[in-house]
Amino acid sequence: MRDAHPREQAADAHVVLATAYATAMPPDTVFSHRTAALIHGLPVPVPSLLDVSAIAPRRASRAAGVRGRQLHPALIATRSVSGLIVCDPATTWAQLGGLVGASLTLDDLVIVGDAIVRIPRLRGGHAGEPRHALARIADLCAATTVGRRAGAAALREALDLIRLGSSSPGETLARLAIIRAGLPEPELDVEILGEEGALVGIADLAYRLFRVMAEYEGDQHRVDARQWNRDIDKYAACDSLGWIVVRITAAHLRSGAAVARIRAALVRRGWEPASPDA
């Protein structure tokens, strides 16, 4: 079993603090913003204080270790997660818009949105159902329009960039880098089928027309021996079916090598940029 990533450890510790605080939490208060996101298992930077919001007319908390806010009832929908009362995923995402430019970036907002609308695959790689997602894109849209939201412009911009099918922050960042570089937008979470229709694997990002797929390699691919061996078998099978497999990492994204390698593979398969600068 692999050790937890430091960010995962920090997220777990934050949720433990929230669980302890909940035992003495005043009525008409809920976990919100980044604390709610972490309780939902969403990938956000871990805050130093617990985000706790009071529902008006109750006043914001001033307790030690808490970042207290007051929210209008019309701007909030809640649910219980492991016994903790939190803003629901769509409300939480809308609240994060107000943090863009301070503790979050636009890309952070897209990453969280992608994670919320993602439909997890079932055992064996089978497609899940929409009800398995934390929320739908329509729910995110509705959460931005129920009233005046801080960061409304960032929310609208992020909504245009959220897609179904991203399985990790790295995959979202890869997609954003690809489209910002002027390359065609890839499909996400694409089933690669063998000659007899058997499922060979799931591509993170793919261009069916050109038979080019890009795979984002997170730490779990490196440190999990079983995952590593499955990846090798999958890439070999995809290669035998005529797919070009481009493997990329966070370092490749930072350096620009990821986009350059995907561009080269597309050109090799006949894609022609719309202009010399594309």
Protein backbone atom coordinates (compact mmCIF):
# COMPACT_ATOMS: atom_id res chain seq x y z
CA MET A 1 0.00 0.00 0.00
CA ARG A 2 1.39 3.40 -0.96
CA ASP A 3 1.87 6.16 1.61
CA ALA A 4 -0.56 9.06 1.43
CA HIS A 5 0.57 12.11 -0.49
CA PRO A 6 1.42 15.09 1.80
CA ARG A 7 -1.56 17.05 0.42
CA GLU A 8 -3.84 14.11 1.15
CA GLN A 9 -2.45 13.92 4.69
CA ALA A 10 -3.09 17.64 5.21
CA ALA A 11 -6.62 17.29 3.80
CA ASP A 12 -7.35 14.36 6.11
CA ALA A 13 -6.03 16.31 9.11
CA HIS A 14 -8.25 19.27 8.21
CA VAL A 15 -11.33 17.04 8.07
CA VAL A 16 -10.39 15.59 11.47
CA LEU A 17 -10.31 19.14 12.88
CA ALA A 18 -13.69 19.83 11.32
CA THR A 19 -15.11 16.66 12.89
CA ALA A 20 -13.85 17.73 16.31
CA TYR A 21 -15.23 21.26 15.91
CA ALA A 22 -18.62 19.89 14.82
CA THR A 23 -19.23 18.48 18.31
CA ALA A 24 -19.57 22.04 19.63
CA MET A 25 -20.74 23.82 16.47
CA PRO A 26 -23.55 26.33 17.12
CA PRO A 27 -26.97 25.84 15.50
CA ASP A 28 -27.54 27.31 12.04
CA THR A 29 -23.88 27.03 11.11
CA VAL A 30 -22.34 24.84 8.42
CA PHE A 31 -18.96 24.01 6.95
CA SER A 32 -18.45 25.95 3.73
CA HIS A 33 -15.90 27.02 1.11
CA ARG A 34 -12.63 25.04 1.15
CA THR A 35 -13.46 23.07 4.30
CA ALA A 36 -16.70 21.87 2.69
CA ALA A 37 -14.78 21.01 -0.47
CA LEU A 38 -12.33 18.87 1.49
CA ILE A 39 -15.15 17.11 3.33
CA HIS A 40 -16.63 16.27 -0.08
CA GLY A 41 -13.22 14.88 -1.11
CA LEU A 42 -12.58 17.62 -3.66
CA PRO A 43 -9.07 18.74 -4.65
CA VAL A 44 -8.50 22.21 -3.18
CA PRO A 45 -5.53 23.76 -1.37
CA VAL A 46 -5.87 23.04 2.34
CA PRO A 47 -6.68 26.20 4.36
CA SER A 48 -5.06 27.00 7.68
CA LEU A 49 -8.44 27.76 9.30
CA LEU A 50 -11.78 25.97 9.24
CA ASP A 51 -14.31 27.62 6.93
CA VAL A 52 -17.52 27.88 8.96
CA SER A 53 -20.53 29.89 7.84
CA ALA A 54 -23.49 31.07 9.88
CA ILE A 55 -26.88 31.27 8.20
CA ALA A 56 -28.28 34.79 8.64
CA PRO A 57 -29.47 36.21 10.94
CA ARG A 58 -26.99 34.26 13.08
CA ARG A 59 -23.71 36.14 13.23
CA ALA A 60 -20.40 34.78 11.94
CA SER A 61 -18.33 32.75 14.35
CA ARG A 62 -15.27 34.33 15.98
CA ALA A 63 -13.96 31.09 17.47
CA ALA A 64 -10.23 30.41 17.43
CA GLY A 65 -9.08 28.41 14.41
CA VAL A 66 -12.19 29.37 12.42
CA ARG A 67 -12.71 31.68 9.47
CA GLY A 68 -16.27 32.75 10.15
CA ARG A 69 -18.71 34.09 7.56
CA GLN A 70 -22.39 34.94 7.41
CA LEU A 71 -24.44 33.61 4.47
CA HIS A 72 -27.89 34.53 3.23
CA PRO A 73 -30.22 31.48 3.36
CA ALA A 74 -31.05 31.85 -0.36
CA LEU A 75 -27.40 31.31 -1.29
CA ILE A 76 -26.95 28.01 0.47
CA ALA A 77 -28.02 24.39 0.15
CA THR A 78 -26.69 21.81 2.58
CA ARG A 79 -26.30 18.11 3.08
CA SER A 80 -24.84 15.75 5.67
CA VAL A 81 -21.53 14.03 4.87
CA SER A 82 -20.34 11.50 7.46
CA GLY A 83 -22.42 13.32 10.06
CA LEU A 84 -21.06 16.78 9.19
CA ILE A 85 -23.43 19.49 7.94
CA VAL A 86 -21.82 21.06 4.89
CA CYS A 87 -22.77 23.15 1.90
CA ASP A 88 -23.67 20.84 -0.96
CA PRO A 89 -21.13 20.41 -3.80
CA ALA A 90 -22.71 22.95 -6.17
CA THR A 91 -23.01 25.59 -3.44
CA THR A 92 -19.46 24.90 -2.34
CA TRP A 93 -18.16 25.34 -5.89
CA ALA A 94 -20.03 28.65 -6.23
CA GLN A 95 -18.53 29.86 -2.95
CA LEU A 96 -15.01 29.10 -4.20
CA GLY A 97 -15.50 31.63 -7.00
CA GLY A 98 -15.13 34.38 -4.42
CA LEU A 99 -11.64 33.11 -3.56
CA VAL A 100 -10.27 33.33 -7.11
CA GLY A 101 -7.51 35.91 -7.22
CA ALA A 102 -6.78 35.46 -3.52
CA SER A 103 -6.22 31.87 -2.39
CA LEU A 104 -7.41 30.13 -5.56
CA THR A 105 -6.86 30.44 -9.31
CA LEU A 106 -9.32 30.07 -12.17
CA ASP A 107 -7.73 26.70 -12.95
CA ASP A 108 -8.40 25.59 -9.34
CA LEU A 109 -12.05 26.43 -9.89
CA VAL A 110 -12.16 24.39 -13.11
CA ILE A 111 -10.39 21.47 -11.40
CA VAL A 112 -13.01 21.39 -8.63
CA GLY A 113 -15.84 21.72 -11.15
CA ASP A 114 -14.47 18.82 -13.20
CA ALA A 115 -14.22 16.71 -10.04
CA ILE A 116 -17.79 17.50 -9.00
CA VAL A 117 -19.41 16.58 -12.34
CA ARG A 118 -17.21 13.52 -12.96
CA ILE A 119 -19.10 10.25 -13.29
CA PRO A 120 -16.88 7.61 -11.64
CA ARG A 121 -16.32 4.39 -13.53
CA LEU A 122 -17.48 1.16 -11.96
CA ARG A 123 -15.41 -1.94 -11.26
CA GLY A 124 -13.91 -3.35 -14.42
CA GLY A 125 -13.89 0.01 -16.15
CA HIS A 126 -17.60 -0.01 -16.89
CA ALA A 127 -19.30 3.36 -17.34
CA GLY A 128 -21.08 4.76 -14.31
CA GLU A 129 -24.39 6.59 -14.24
CA PRO A 130 -24.99 10.37 -13.97
CA ARG A 131 -26.49 9.86 -10.49
CA HIS A 132 -23.05 8.79 -9.29
CA ALA A 133 -21.66 12.30 -9.84
CA LEU A 134 -21.60 14.75 -6.93
CA ALA A 135 -23.58 17.20 -9.09
CA ARG A 136 -24.34 18.07 -12.71
CA ILE A 137 -23.05 21.01 -14.71
CA ALA A 138 -26.63 22.31 -14.62
CA ASP A 139 -26.46 22.28 -10.81
CA LEU A 140 -23.27 24.36 -10.88
CA CYS A 141 -24.91 26.82 -13.24
CA ALA A 142 -27.98 27.08 -11.01
CA ALA A 143 -25.82 27.71 -7.93
CA THR A 144 -24.27 30.74 -9.62
CA THR A 145 -27.61 32.33 -10.45
CA VAL A 146 -29.59 32.06 -7.20
CA GLY A 147 -28.38 35.48 -6.07
CA ARG A 148 -25.40 37.80 -6.00
CA ARG A 149 -22.25 35.69 -5.78
CA ALA A 150 -18.76 36.94 -5.04
CA GLY A 151 -16.54 36.02 -7.99
CA ALA A 152 -19.45 35.77 -10.44
CA ALA A 153 -17.21 36.56 -13.43
CA ALA A 154 -14.76 33.80 -12.49
CA LEU A 155 -17.64 31.35 -12.04
CA ARG A 156 -18.99 32.13 -15.51
CA GLU A 157 -15.54 31.74 -17.07
CA ALA A 158 -14.95 28.45 -15.26
CA LEU A 159 -18.34 27.07 -16.28
CA ASP A 160 -17.33 27.40 -19.93
CA LEU A 161 -14.23 25.30 -19.24
CA ILE A 162 -15.70 22.46 -17.15
CA ARG A 163 -16.06 19.10 -18.90
CA LEU A 164 -17.26 15.61 -18.06
CA GLY A 165 -14.63 12.90 -17.90
CA SER A 166 -11.59 14.34 -16.13
CA SER A 167 -10.34 11.94 -13.46
CA SER A 168 -7.69 14.10 -11.77
CA PRO A 169 -6.41 17.67 -11.42
CA GLY A 170 -3.51 16.74 -13.70
CA GLU A 171 -5.86 15.69 -16.48
CA THR A 172 -7.78 18.95 -16.16
CA LEU A 173 -4.57 21.00 -16.32
CA ALA A 174 -3.41 19.00 -19.35
CA ARG A 175 -6.69 19.69 -21.16
CA LEU A 176 -6.52 23.40 -20.36
CA ALA A 177 -2.92 23.60 -21.58
CA ILE A 178 -3.87 21.81 -24.81
CA ILE A 179 -6.75 24.11 -25.72
CA ARG A 180 -4.86 27.26 -24.70
CA ALA A 181 -2.09 26.23 -27.06
CA GLY A 182 -4.55 26.14 -29.95
CA LEU A 183 -4.69 22.37 -30.34
CA PRO A 184 -8.02 20.60 -30.90
CA GLU A 185 -9.89 19.88 -27.70
CA PRO A 186 -9.51 16.18 -26.83
CA GLU A 187 -12.24 13.80 -25.71
CA LEU A 188 -11.97 12.65 -22.11
CA ASP A 189 -12.30 9.23 -20.49
CA VAL A 190 -12.40 7.44 -23.85
CA GLU A 191 -12.93 3.70 -24.10
CA ILE A 192 -10.35 1.99 -26.33
CA LEU A 193 -11.83 -1.16 -27.80
CA GLY A 194 -10.06 -4.14 -29.34
CA GLU A 195 -10.88 -5.69 -32.69
CA GLU A 196 -13.63 -7.83 -31.16
CA GLY A 197 -15.09 -4.98 -29.12
CA ALA A 198 -13.43 -5.91 -25.83
CA LEU A 199 -12.39 -3.03 -23.57
CA VAL A 200 -8.60 -2.60 -23.80
CA GLY A 201 -8.36 0.47 -21.59
CA ILE A 202 -9.60 3.98 -20.83
CA ALA A 203 -7.68 6.89 -22.35
CA ASP A 204 -7.39 10.05 -20.24
CA LEU A 205 -7.44 12.33 -23.31
CA ALA A 206 -7.90 11.11 -26.87
CA TYR A 207 -8.30 12.12 -30.51
CA ARG A 208 -10.18 9.27 -32.16
CA LEU A 209 -9.81 10.69 -35.66
CA PHE A 210 -6.01 10.72 -35.38
CA ARG A 211 -5.68 7.72 -33.03
CA VAL A 212 -3.62 9.78 -30.59
CA MET A 213 -4.10 9.46 -26.85
CA ALA A 214 -2.44 11.30 -23.97
CA GLU A 215 -2.06 9.72 -20.56
CA TYR A 216 -1.38 11.82 -17.47
CA GLU A 217 0.96 9.94 -15.14
CA GLY A 218 0.38 10.96 -11.54
CA ASP A 219 2.35 9.66 -8.57
CA GLN A 220 0.09 6.62 -8.20
CA HIS A 221 1.31 5.38 -11.60
CA ARG A 222 4.89 5.52 -10.35
CA VAL A 223 4.61 4.09 -6.84
CA ASP A 224 1.84 1.50 -7.25
CA ALA A 225 3.39 -1.62 -8.78
CA ARG A 226 0.04 -3.08 -9.83
CA GLN A 227 -0.96 0.18 -11.53
CA TRP A 228 2.45 0.36 -13.23
CA ASN A 229 2.07 -3.13 -14.70
CA ARG A 230 -1.51 -2.47 -15.81
CA ASP A 231 -0.33 0.70 -17.56
CA ILE A 232 2.40 -1.17 -19.44
CA ASP A 233 -0.08 -3.79 -20.65
CA LYS A 234 -2.61 -1.13 -21.64
CA TYR A 235 -0.11 0.96 -23.60
CA ALA A 236 1.20 -2.09 -25.43
CA ALA A 237 -2.35 -3.10 -26.38
CA CYS A 238 -3.21 0.42 -27.57
CA ASP A 239 -0.01 0.60 -29.60
CA SER A 240 -0.89 -2.70 -31.30
CA LEU A 241 -4.23 -1.15 -32.29
CA GLY A 242 -2.48 1.74 -33.99
CA TRP A 243 -2.74 4.38 -31.28
CA ILE A 244 0.09 6.78 -30.51
CA VAL A 245 0.37 6.95 -26.72
CA VAL A 246 1.81 10.20 -25.34
CA ARG A 247 2.68 9.89 -21.67
CA ILE A 248 2.93 13.16 -19.75
CA THR A 249 3.63 14.26 -16.18
CA ALA A 250 3.27 17.42 -14.10
CA ALA A 251 6.87 18.33 -14.99
CA HIS A 252 6.02 18.04 -18.70
CA LEU A 253 3.07 20.39 -18.20
CA ARG A 254 5.21 22.97 -16.41
CA SER A 255 7.90 22.90 -19.08
CA GLY A 256 5.55 22.91 -22.07
CA ALA A 257 6.86 19.52 -23.22
CA ALA A 258 3.41 17.92 -22.81
CA VAL A 259 1.76 20.19 -25.37
CA ALA A 260 4.77 19.92 -27.72
CA ARG A 261 4.63 16.10 -27.67
CA ILE A 262 0.87 16.00 -28.26
CA ARG A 263 1.19 18.52 -31.09
CA ALA A 264 3.94 16.44 -32.71
CA ALA A 265 1.84 13.27 -32.49
CA LEU A 266 -1.16 15.00 -34.07
CA VAL A 267 0.94 16.42 -36.89
CA ARG A 268 2.44 12.99 -37.46
CA ARG A 269 -1.10 11.66 -37.92
CA GLY A 270 -2.11 14.35 -40.39
CA TRP A 271 -3.46 17.20 -38.28
CA GLU A 272 -2.76 20.58 -39.80
CA PRO A 273 -2.69 23.68 -37.59
CA ALA A 274 -5.08 26.44 -38.66
CA SER A 275 -2.18 28.91 -38.79
CA PRO A 276 1.60 28.85 -38.29
CA ASP A 277 1.08 30.01 -34.72
CA ALA A 278 -1.45 27.28 -33.80
